[in-house]
Amino acid sequence: LALGGVKINIVMGRHAGFLTAASALAR
């Protein structure tokens, strides 16, 4: 938010996306 641009974060999860999905809890 402070500097703009695109930020991409890779999260663990080979077959299941539960951990990546948890990023939405920050909302």
PDB file of all heavy atoms in Angstrom:
ATOM      1  N   LEU A   1       0.828  -1.201   0.000  1.00  0.00           N
ATOM      2  CA  LEU A   1       0.000   0.000   0.000  1.00  0.00           C
ATOM      3  C   LEU A   1       0.864   1.254   0.000  1.00  0.00           C
ATOM      4  O   LEU A   1       0.544   2.249  -0.654  1.00  0.00           O
ATOM      5  CB  LEU A   1      -0.912  -0.009   1.236  1.00  0.00           C
ATOM      6  CG  LEU A   1      -1.808   1.210   1.465  1.00  0.00           C
ATOM      7  CD1 LEU A   1      -2.829   1.348   0.337  1.00  0.00           C
ATOM      8  CD2 LEU A   1      -2.518   1.081   2.816  1.00  0.00           C
ATOM      9  N   ALA A   2       1.976   1.215   0.702  1.00  0.00           N
ATOM     10  CA  ALA A   2       2.842   2.392   0.822  1.00  0.00           C
ATOM     11  C   ALA A   2       3.591   2.708  -0.465  1.00  0.00           C
ATOM     12  O   ALA A   2       3.795   3.878  -0.809  1.00  0.00           O
ATOM     13  CB  ALA A   2       3.847   2.170   1.964  1.00  0.00           C
ATOM     14  N   LEU A   3       3.990   1.641  -1.205  1.00  0.00           N
ATOM     15  CA  LEU A   3       4.866   1.855  -2.360  1.00  0.00           C
ATOM     16  C   LEU A   3       4.268   1.438  -3.702  1.00  0.00           C
ATOM     17  O   LEU A   3       4.825   1.764  -4.744  1.00  0.00           O
ATOM     18  CB  LEU A   3       6.191   1.110  -2.141  1.00  0.00           C
ATOM     19  CG  LEU A   3       7.055   1.654  -0.996  1.00  0.00           C
ATOM     20  CD1 LEU A   3       8.218   0.713  -0.715  1.00  0.00           C
ATOM     21  CD2 LEU A   3       7.565   3.047  -1.335  1.00  0.00           C
ATOM     22  N   GLY A   4       3.163   0.699  -3.666  1.00  0.00           N
ATOM     23  CA  GLY A   4       2.527   0.287  -4.912  1.00  0.00           C
ATOM     24  C   GLY A   4       3.243  -0.854  -5.605  1.00  0.00           C
ATOM     25  O   GLY A   4       4.141  -1.490  -5.057  1.00  0.00           O
ATOM     26  N   GLY A   5       2.826  -1.166  -6.814  1.00  0.00           N
ATOM     27  CA  GLY A   5       3.421  -2.250  -7.575  1.00  0.00           C
ATOM     28  C   GLY A   5       2.734  -3.579  -7.334  1.00  0.00           C
ATOM     29  O   GLY A   5       1.618  -3.646  -6.799  1.00  0.00           O
ATOM     30  N   VAL A   6       3.392  -4.638  -7.758  1.00  0.00           N
ATOM     31  CA  VAL A   6       2.836  -5.994  -7.635  1.00  0.00           C
ATOM     32  C   VAL A   6       3.696  -6.815  -6.687  1.00  0.00           C
ATOM     33  O   VAL A   6       4.925  -6.810  -6.794  1.00  0.00           O
ATOM     34  CB  VAL A   6       2.785  -6.695  -9.010  1.00  0.00           C
ATOM     35  CG1 VAL A   6       2.287  -8.137  -8.857  1.00  0.00           C
ATOM     36  CG2 VAL A   6       1.886  -5.914  -9.963  1.00  0.00           C
ATOM     37  N   LYS A   7       3.061  -7.491  -5.756  1.00  0.00           N
ATOM     38  CA  LYS A   7       3.766  -8.391  -4.845  1.00  0.00           C
ATOM     39  C   LYS A   7       3.123  -9.780  -4.928  1.00  0.00           C
ATOM     40  O   LYS A   7       1.914  -9.928  -4.777  1.00  0.00           O
ATOM     41  CB  LYS A   7       3.703  -7.887  -3.400  1.00  0.00           C
ATOM     42  CG  LYS A   7       4.462  -8.797  -2.437  1.00  0.00           C
ATOM     43  CD  LYS A   7       5.964  -8.821  -2.744  1.00  0.00           C
ATOM     44  CE  LYS A   7       6.698  -9.909  -1.972  1.00  0.00           C
ATOM     45  NZ  LYS A   7       6.625  -9.719  -0.529  1.00  0.00           N
ATOM     46  N   ILE A   8       3.948 -10.794  -5.161  1.00  0.00           N
ATOM     47  CA  ILE A   8       3.489 -12.182  -5.282  1.00  0.00           C
ATOM     48  C   ILE A   8       4.161 -13.009  -4.198  1.00  0.00           C
ATOM     49  O   ILE A   8       5.396 -13.017  -4.096  1.00  0.00           O
ATOM     50  CB  ILE A   8       3.852 -12.763  -6.668  1.00  0.00           C
ATOM     51  CG1 ILE A   8       3.255 -11.900  -7.778  1.00  0.00           C
ATOM     52  CG2 ILE A   8       3.376 -14.206  -6.785  1.00  0.00           C
ATOM     53  CD1 ILE A   8       3.866 -12.179  -9.152  1.00  0.00           C
ATOM     54  N   ASN A   9       3.367 -13.682  -3.379  1.00  0.00           N
ATOM     55  CA  ASN A   9       3.911 -14.542  -2.329  1.00  0.00           C
ATOM     56  C   ASN A   9       3.535 -15.997  -2.579  1.00  0.00           C
ATOM     57  O   ASN A   9       2.364 -16.309  -2.812  1.00  0.00           O
ATOM     58  CB  ASN A   9       3.394 -14.119  -0.953  1.00  0.00           C
ATOM     59  CG  ASN A   9       3.999 -12.810  -0.493  1.00  0.00           C
ATOM     60  OD1 ASN A   9       5.138 -12.492  -0.812  1.00  0.00           O
ATOM     61  ND2 ASN A   9       3.231 -12.037   0.257  1.00  0.00           N
ATOM     62  N   ILE A  10       4.536 -16.876  -2.522  1.00  0.00           N
ATOM     63  CA  ILE A  10       4.316 -18.305  -2.719  1.00  0.00           C
ATOM     64  C   ILE A  10       4.197 -18.977  -1.352  1.00  0.00           C
ATOM     65  O   ILE A  10       5.055 -18.798  -0.486  1.00  0.00           O
ATOM     66  CB  ILE A  10       5.473 -18.947  -3.506  1.00  0.00           C
ATOM     67  CG1 ILE A  10       5.750 -18.147  -4.789  1.00  0.00           C
ATOM     68  CG2 ILE A  10       5.162 -20.406  -3.826  1.00  0.00           C
ATOM     69  CD1 ILE A  10       4.579 -18.039  -5.744  1.00  0.00           C
ATOM     70  N   VAL A  11       3.135 -19.766  -1.180  1.00  0.00           N
ATOM     71  CA  VAL A  11       2.829 -20.409   0.103  1.00  0.00           C
ATOM     72  C   VAL A  11       2.827 -21.924  -0.075  1.00  0.00           C
ATOM     73  O   VAL A  11       2.467 -22.432  -1.139  1.00  0.00           O
ATOM     74  CB  VAL A  11       1.459 -19.925   0.636  1.00  0.00           C
ATOM     75  CG1 VAL A  11       1.180 -20.497   2.015  1.00  0.00           C
ATOM     76  CG2 VAL A  11       1.414 -18.402   0.679  1.00  0.00           C
ATOM     77  N   MET A  12       3.204 -22.650   0.964  1.00  0.00           N
ATOM     78  CA  MET A  12       3.232 -24.111   0.910  1.00  0.00           C
ATOM     79  C   MET A  12       1.859 -24.707   0.610  1.00  0.00           C
ATOM     80  O   MET A  12       0.829 -24.163   1.008  1.00  0.00           O
ATOM     81  CB  MET A  12       3.744 -24.689   2.231  1.00  0.00           C
ATOM     82  CG  MET A  12       5.253 -24.738   2.347  1.00  0.00           C
ATOM     83  SD  MET A  12       5.750 -25.587   3.870  1.00  0.00           S
ATOM     84  CE  MET A  12       7.522 -25.617   3.628  1.00  0.00           C
ATOM     85  N   GLY A  13       1.866 -25.854  -0.040  1.00  0.00           N
ATOM     86  CA  GLY A  13       0.635 -26.581  -0.352  1.00  0.00           C
ATOM     87  C   GLY A  13       0.759 -27.260  -1.699  1.00  0.00           C
ATOM     88  O   GLY A  13       0.524 -26.637  -2.736  1.00  0.00           O
ATOM     89  N   ARG A  14       1.174 -28.530  -1.677  1.00  0.00           N
ATOM     90  CA  ARG A  14       1.365 -29.256  -2.935  1.00  0.00           C
ATOM     91  C   ARG A  14       0.033 -29.637  -3.580  1.00  0.00           C
ATOM     92  O   ARG A  14      -0.174 -29.434  -4.773  1.00  0.00           O
ATOM     93  CB  ARG A  14       2.198 -30.521  -2.692  1.00  0.00           C
ATOM     94  CG  ARG A  14       2.441 -31.361  -3.954  1.00  0.00           C
ATOM     95  CD  ARG A  14       3.262 -32.577  -3.641  1.00  0.00           C
ATOM     96  NE  ARG A  14       4.626 -32.225  -3.289  1.00  0.00           N
ATOM     97  CZ  ARG A  14       5.614 -32.084  -4.165  1.00  0.00           C
ATOM     98  NH1 ARG A  14       5.392 -32.281  -5.458  1.00  0.00           N
ATOM     99  NH2 ARG A  14       6.819 -31.756  -3.767  1.00  0.00           N
ATOM    100  N   HIS A  15      -0.871 -30.216  -2.781  1.00  0.00           N
ATOM    101  CA  HIS A  15      -2.147 -30.691  -3.323  1.00  0.00           C
ATOM    102  C   HIS A  15      -3.356 -29.958  -2.749  1.00  0.00           C
ATOM    103  O   HIS A  15      -4.412 -29.927  -3.371  1.00  0.00           O
ATOM    104  CB  HIS A  15      -2.308 -32.191  -3.059  1.00  0.00           C
ATOM    105  CG  HIS A  15      -1.237 -33.043  -3.664  1.00  0.00           C
ATOM    106  ND1 HIS A  15      -1.043 -33.109  -5.029  1.00  0.00           N
ATOM    107  CD2 HIS A  15      -0.290 -33.826  -3.103  1.00  0.00           C
ATOM    108  CE1 HIS A  15      -0.021 -33.930  -5.287  1.00  0.00           C
ATOM    109  NE2 HIS A  15       0.452 -34.363  -4.137  1.00  0.00           N
ATOM    110  N   ALA A  16      -3.217 -29.429  -1.544  1.00  0.00           N
ATOM    111  CA  ALA A  16      -4.327 -28.758  -0.872  1.00  0.00           C
ATOM    112  C   ALA A  16      -4.006 -27.288  -0.646  1.00  0.00           C
ATOM    113  O   ALA A  16      -2.888 -26.935  -0.260  1.00  0.00           O
ATOM    114  CB  ALA A  16      -4.623 -29.447   0.459  1.00  0.00           C
ATOM    115  N   GLY A  17      -4.993 -26.420  -0.862  1.00  0.00           N
ATOM    116  CA  GLY A  17      -4.752 -24.982  -0.797  1.00  0.00           C
ATOM    117  C   GLY A  17      -5.151 -24.315   0.505  1.00  0.00           C
ATOM    118  O   GLY A  17      -5.198 -23.088   0.571  1.00  0.00           O
ATOM    119  N   PHE A  18      -5.404 -25.091   1.556  1.00  0.00           N
ATOM    120  CA  PHE A  18      -5.862 -24.508   2.819  1.00  0.00           C
ATOM    121  C   PHE A  18      -4.930 -23.418   3.347  1.00  0.00           C
ATOM    122  O   PHE A  18      -5.386 -22.390   3.843  1.00  0.00           O
ATOM    123  CB  PHE A  18      -5.990 -25.601   3.887  1.00  0.00           C
ATOM    124  CG  PHE A  18      -7.132 -26.543   3.686  1.00  0.00           C
ATOM    125  CD1 PHE A  18      -6.921 -27.799   3.133  1.00  0.00           C
ATOM    126  CD2 PHE A  18      -8.425 -26.186   4.064  1.00  0.00           C
ATOM    127  CE1 PHE A  18      -7.979 -28.682   2.956  1.00  0.00           C
ATOM    128  CE2 PHE A  18      -9.482 -27.068   3.887  1.00  0.00           C
ATOM    129  CZ  PHE A  18      -9.258 -28.319   3.333  1.00  0.00           C
ATOM    130  N   LEU A  19      -3.628 -23.642   3.272  1.00  0.00           N
ATOM    131  CA  LEU A  19      -2.693 -22.684   3.850  1.00  0.00           C
ATOM    132  C   LEU A  19      -2.627 -21.399   3.023  1.00  0.00           C
ATOM    133  O   LEU A  19      -2.622 -20.299   3.576  1.00  0.00           O
ATOM    134  CB  LEU A  19      -1.309 -23.322   3.968  1.00  0.00           C
ATOM    135  CG  LEU A  19      -0.317 -22.605   4.895  1.00  0.00           C
ATOM    136  CD1 LEU A  19      -0.909 -22.438   6.293  1.00  0.00           C
ATOM    137  CD2 LEU A  19       0.985 -23.372   4.968  1.00  0.00           C
ATOM    138  N   THR A  20      -2.594 -21.533   1.718  1.00  0.00           N
ATOM    139  CA  THR A  20      -2.604 -20.344   0.856  1.00  0.00           C
ATOM    140  C   THR A  20      -3.895 -19.556   1.052  1.00  0.00           C
ATOM    141  O   THR A  20      -3.888 -18.315   1.106  1.00  0.00           O
ATOM    142  CB  THR A  20      -2.456 -20.742  -0.617  1.00  0.00           C
ATOM    143  OG1 THR A  20      -1.280 -21.535  -0.775  1.00  0.00           O
ATOM    144  CG2 THR A  20      -2.362 -19.525  -1.516  1.00  0.00           C
ATOM    145  N   ALA A  21      -5.000 -20.277   1.178  1.00  0.00           N
ATOM    146  CA  ALA A  21      -6.301 -19.630   1.376  1.00  0.00           C
ATOM    147  C   ALA A  21      -6.338 -18.822   2.662  1.00  0.00           C
ATOM    148  O   ALA A  21      -7.052 -17.813   2.757  1.00  0.00           O
ATOM    149  CB  ALA A  21      -7.404 -20.696   1.395  1.00  0.00           C
ATOM    150  N   ALA A  22      -5.548 -19.230   3.665  1.00  0.00           N
ATOM    151  CA  ALA A  22      -5.541 -18.529   4.947  1.00  0.00           C
ATOM    152  C   ALA A  22      -5.067 -17.085   4.816  1.00  0.00           C
ATOM    153  O   ALA A  22      -5.312 -16.265   5.699  1.00  0.00           O
ATOM    154  CB  ALA A  22      -4.648 -19.278   5.940  1.00  0.00           C
ATOM    155  N   SER A  23      -4.418 -16.755   3.704  1.00  0.00           N
ATOM    156  CA  SER A  23      -3.997 -15.363   3.484  1.00  0.00           C
ATOM    157  C   SER A  23      -5.190 -14.415   3.520  1.00  0.00           C
ATOM    158  O   SER A  23      -5.057 -13.244   3.886  1.00  0.00           O
ATOM    159  CB  SER A  23      -3.271 -15.240   2.143  1.00  0.00           C
ATOM    160  OG  SER A  23      -4.122 -15.639   1.069  1.00  0.00           O
ATOM    161  N   ALA A  24      -6.364 -14.924   3.160  1.00  0.00           N
ATOM    162  CA  ALA A  24      -7.571 -14.098   3.126  1.00  0.00           C
ATOM    163  C   ALA A  24      -8.021 -13.674   4.515  1.00  0.00           C
ATOM    164  O   ALA A  24      -8.797 -12.718   4.659  1.00  0.00           O
ATOM    165  CB  ALA A  24      -8.703 -14.852   2.429  1.00  0.00           C
ATOM    166  N   LEU A  25      -7.556 -14.355   5.562  1.00  0.00           N
ATOM    167  CA  LEU A  25      -7.946 -13.990   6.924  1.00  0.00           C
ATOM    168  C   LEU A  25      -7.427 -12.604   7.290  1.00  0.00           C
ATOM    169  O   LEU A  25      -7.951 -11.960   8.198  1.00  0.00           O
ATOM    170  CB  LEU A  25      -7.415 -15.026   7.915  1.00  0.00           C
ATOM    171  CG  LEU A  25      -7.992 -16.438   7.782  1.00  0.00           C
ATOM    172  CD1 LEU A  25      -7.280 -17.393   8.730  1.00  0.00           C
ATOM    173  CD2 LEU A  25      -9.494 -16.432   8.050  1.00  0.00           C
ATOM    174  N   ALA A  26      -6.398 -12.138   6.601  1.00  0.00           N
ATOM    175  CA  ALA A  26      -5.854 -10.797   6.863  1.00  0.00           C
ATOM    176  C   ALA A  26      -6.861  -9.714   6.508  1.00  0.00           C
ATOM    177  O   ALA A  26      -6.741  -8.574   6.972  1.00  0.00           O
ATOM    178  CB  ALA A  26      -4.568 -10.590   6.075  1.00  0.00           C
ATOM    179  N   ARG A  27      -7.844 -10.050   5.710  1.00  0.00           N
ATOM    180  CA  ARG A  27      -8.830  -9.045   5.299  1.00  0.00           C
ATOM    181  C   ARG A  27      -9.664  -8.546   6.467  1.00  0.00           C
ATOM    182  O   ARG A  27     -10.211  -7.443   6.422  1.00  0.00           O
ATOM    183  CB  ARG A  27      -9.731  -9.620   4.202  1.00  0.00           C
ATOM    184  CG  ARG A  27      -8.987  -9.867   2.894  1.00  0.00           C
ATOM    185  CD  ARG A  27      -9.834 -10.615   1.903  1.00  0.00           C
ATOM    186  NE  ARG A  27      -9.090 -10.899   0.673  1.00  0.00           N
ATOM    187  CZ  ARG A  27      -9.475 -11.774  -0.241  1.00  0.00           C
ATOM    188  NH1 ARG A  27     -10.602 -12.462  -0.074  1.00  0.00           N
ATOM    189  NH2 ARG A  27      -8.743 -11.977  -1.324  1.00  0.00           N
TER     190      ARG A  27
END
